[in-house]
């Protein structure tokens, strides 16, 4: 499951945003497996990363559905 948090802030970048990736461990149990972005540029001020999340299908034909994330800048 993907959860967008576009208003996530840290000490240097207010509202830089983040996307949380959760894995289903079975029986309805979810565990946090990844927080995106892993690294951030200096220009993340109010970027609102994770504002939109969308499925795009298997665009690279690797057998897995693709997903895109966006910000406002």
C-alpha atoms as a PDB file:
ATOM      1  CA  UNK A   1       0.000   0.000   0.000  1.00  0.00           C
ATOM      2  CA  UNK A   2       1.287   3.479  -0.826  1.00  0.00           C
ATOM      3  CA  UNK A   3       0.452   6.434   1.413  1.00  0.00           C
ATOM      4  CA  UNK A   4       1.214   9.986   0.324  1.00  0.00           C
ATOM      5  CA  UNK A   5       2.060  12.528   3.035  1.00  0.00           C
ATOM      6  CA  UNK A   6       2.530  15.752   1.048  1.00  0.00           C
ATOM      7  CA  UNK A   7       2.727  17.944   4.161  1.00  0.00           C
ATOM      8  CA  UNK A   8       5.512  15.943   5.853  1.00  0.00           C
ATOM      9  CA  UNK A   9       8.127  18.390   7.161  1.00  0.00           C
ATOM     10  CA  UNK A  10      11.554  18.257   8.729  1.00  0.00           C
ATOM     11  CA  UNK A  11      13.695  20.957  10.346  1.00  0.00           C
ATOM     12  CA  UNK A  12      15.024  22.281   7.015  1.00  0.00           C
ATOM     13  CA  UNK A  13      12.169  21.751   4.570  1.00  0.00           C
ATOM     14  CA  UNK A  14       8.579  22.501   5.552  1.00  0.00           C
ATOM     15  CA  UNK A  15       6.000  20.522   3.598  1.00  0.00           C
ATOM     16  CA  UNK A  16       8.607  18.656   1.540  1.00  0.00           C
ATOM     17  CA  UNK A  17       6.376  15.573   1.467  1.00  0.00           C
ATOM     18  CA  UNK A  18       6.972  11.863   1.657  1.00  0.00           C
ATOM     19  CA  UNK A  19       5.529   8.583   0.399  1.00  0.00           C
ATOM     20  CA  UNK A  20       5.319   5.594   2.741  1.00  0.00           C
ATOM     21  CA  UNK A  21       5.394   2.056   1.319  1.00  0.00           C
ATOM     22  CA  UNK A  22       3.671  -0.633   3.393  1.00  0.00           C
ATOM     23  CA  UNK A  23       3.815  -4.381   2.747  1.00  0.00           C
ATOM     24  CA  UNK A  24       1.005  -6.817   3.524  1.00  0.00           C
ATOM     25  CA  UNK A  25       2.364  -9.522   5.831  1.00  0.00           C
ATOM     26  CA  UNK A  26      -0.853 -11.518   5.716  1.00  0.00           C
ATOM     27  CA  UNK A  27      -3.897 -11.560   7.986  1.00  0.00           C
ATOM     28  CA  UNK A  28      -4.308  -7.813   7.449  1.00  0.00           C
ATOM     29  CA  UNK A  29      -0.960  -6.958   9.042  1.00  0.00           C
ATOM     30  CA  UNK A  30       0.942  -4.127   7.347  1.00  0.00           C
ATOM     31  CA  UNK A  31       4.557  -3.182   7.974  1.00  0.00           C
ATOM     32  CA  UNK A  32       6.390  -0.053   6.852  1.00  0.00           C
ATOM     33  CA  UNK A  33       9.026  -1.114   4.346  1.00  0.00           C
ATOM     34  CA  UNK A  34      10.209   2.155   2.758  1.00  0.00           C
ATOM     35  CA  UNK A  35       9.971   5.931   3.050  1.00  0.00           C
ATOM     36  CA  UNK A  36      10.433   7.977  -0.126  1.00  0.00           C
ATOM     37  CA  UNK A  37      12.271  10.118  -1.077  1.00  0.00           C
ATOM     38  CA  UNK A  38      15.305   8.399   0.382  1.00  0.00           C
ATOM     39  CA  UNK A  39      17.498  11.398  -0.361  1.00  0.00           C
ATOM     40  CA  UNK A  40      16.346  14.918  -0.900  1.00  0.00           C
ATOM     41  CA  UNK A  41      17.794  17.778  -2.871  1.00  0.00           C
ATOM     42  CA  UNK A  42      18.209  21.196  -1.313  1.00  0.00           C
ATOM     43  CA  UNK A  43      15.142  22.418  -3.194  1.00  0.00           C
ATOM     44  CA  UNK A  44      12.464  20.452  -1.341  1.00  0.00           C
ATOM     45  CA  UNK A  45      10.882  23.546   0.245  1.00  0.00           C
ATOM     46  CA  UNK A  46       7.104  23.000  -0.017  1.00  0.00           C
ATOM     47  CA  UNK A  47       7.534  20.425  -2.788  1.00  0.00           C
ATOM     48  CA  UNK A  48       4.588  18.375  -1.455  1.00  0.00           C
ATOM     49  CA  UNK A  49       6.096  15.106  -2.748  1.00  0.00           C
ATOM     50  CA  UNK A  50       3.439  12.411  -2.625  1.00  0.00           C
ATOM     51  CA  UNK A  51       0.617  14.807  -3.403  1.00  0.00           C
ATOM     52  CA  UNK A  52      -0.506  12.484  -6.197  1.00  0.00           C
ATOM     53  CA  UNK A  53       0.018   8.719  -6.590  1.00  0.00           C
ATOM     54  CA  UNK A  54      -1.227   6.874  -9.653  1.00  0.00           C
ATOM     55  CA  UNK A  55      -1.012   3.424 -11.234  1.00  0.00           C
ATOM     56  CA  UNK A  56       0.342   3.548 -14.780  1.00  0.00           C
ATOM     57  CA  UNK A  57       0.250  -0.103 -15.801  1.00  0.00           C
ATOM     58  CA  UNK A  58       3.192  -2.207 -16.939  1.00  0.00           C
ATOM     59  CA  UNK A  59       4.915   0.500 -19.009  1.00  0.00           C
ATOM     60  CA  UNK A  60       8.325  -1.228 -19.129  1.00  0.00           C
ATOM     61  CA  UNK A  61       6.900  -4.719 -19.794  1.00  0.00           C
ATOM     62  CA  UNK A  62       8.647  -6.321 -16.809  1.00  0.00           C
ATOM     63  CA  UNK A  63       5.470  -8.021 -15.577  1.00  0.00           C
ATOM     64  CA  UNK A  64       4.904  -5.578 -12.709  1.00  0.00           C
ATOM     65  CA  UNK A  65       2.466  -2.704 -12.549  1.00  0.00           C
ATOM     66  CA  UNK A  66       4.153   0.689 -12.397  1.00  0.00           C
ATOM     67  CA  UNK A  67       3.331   3.573 -10.090  1.00  0.00           C
ATOM     68  CA  UNK A  68       4.172   7.256 -10.325  1.00  0.00           C
ATOM     69  CA  UNK A  69       4.456   9.855  -7.575  1.00  0.00           C
ATOM     70  CA  UNK A  70       4.417  13.587  -8.049  1.00  0.00           C
ATOM     71  CA  UNK A  71       4.913  16.885  -6.303  1.00  0.00           C
ATOM     72  CA  UNK A  72       3.811  20.399  -7.173  1.00  0.00           C
ATOM     73  CA  UNK A  73       7.212  21.764  -8.144  1.00  0.00           C
END
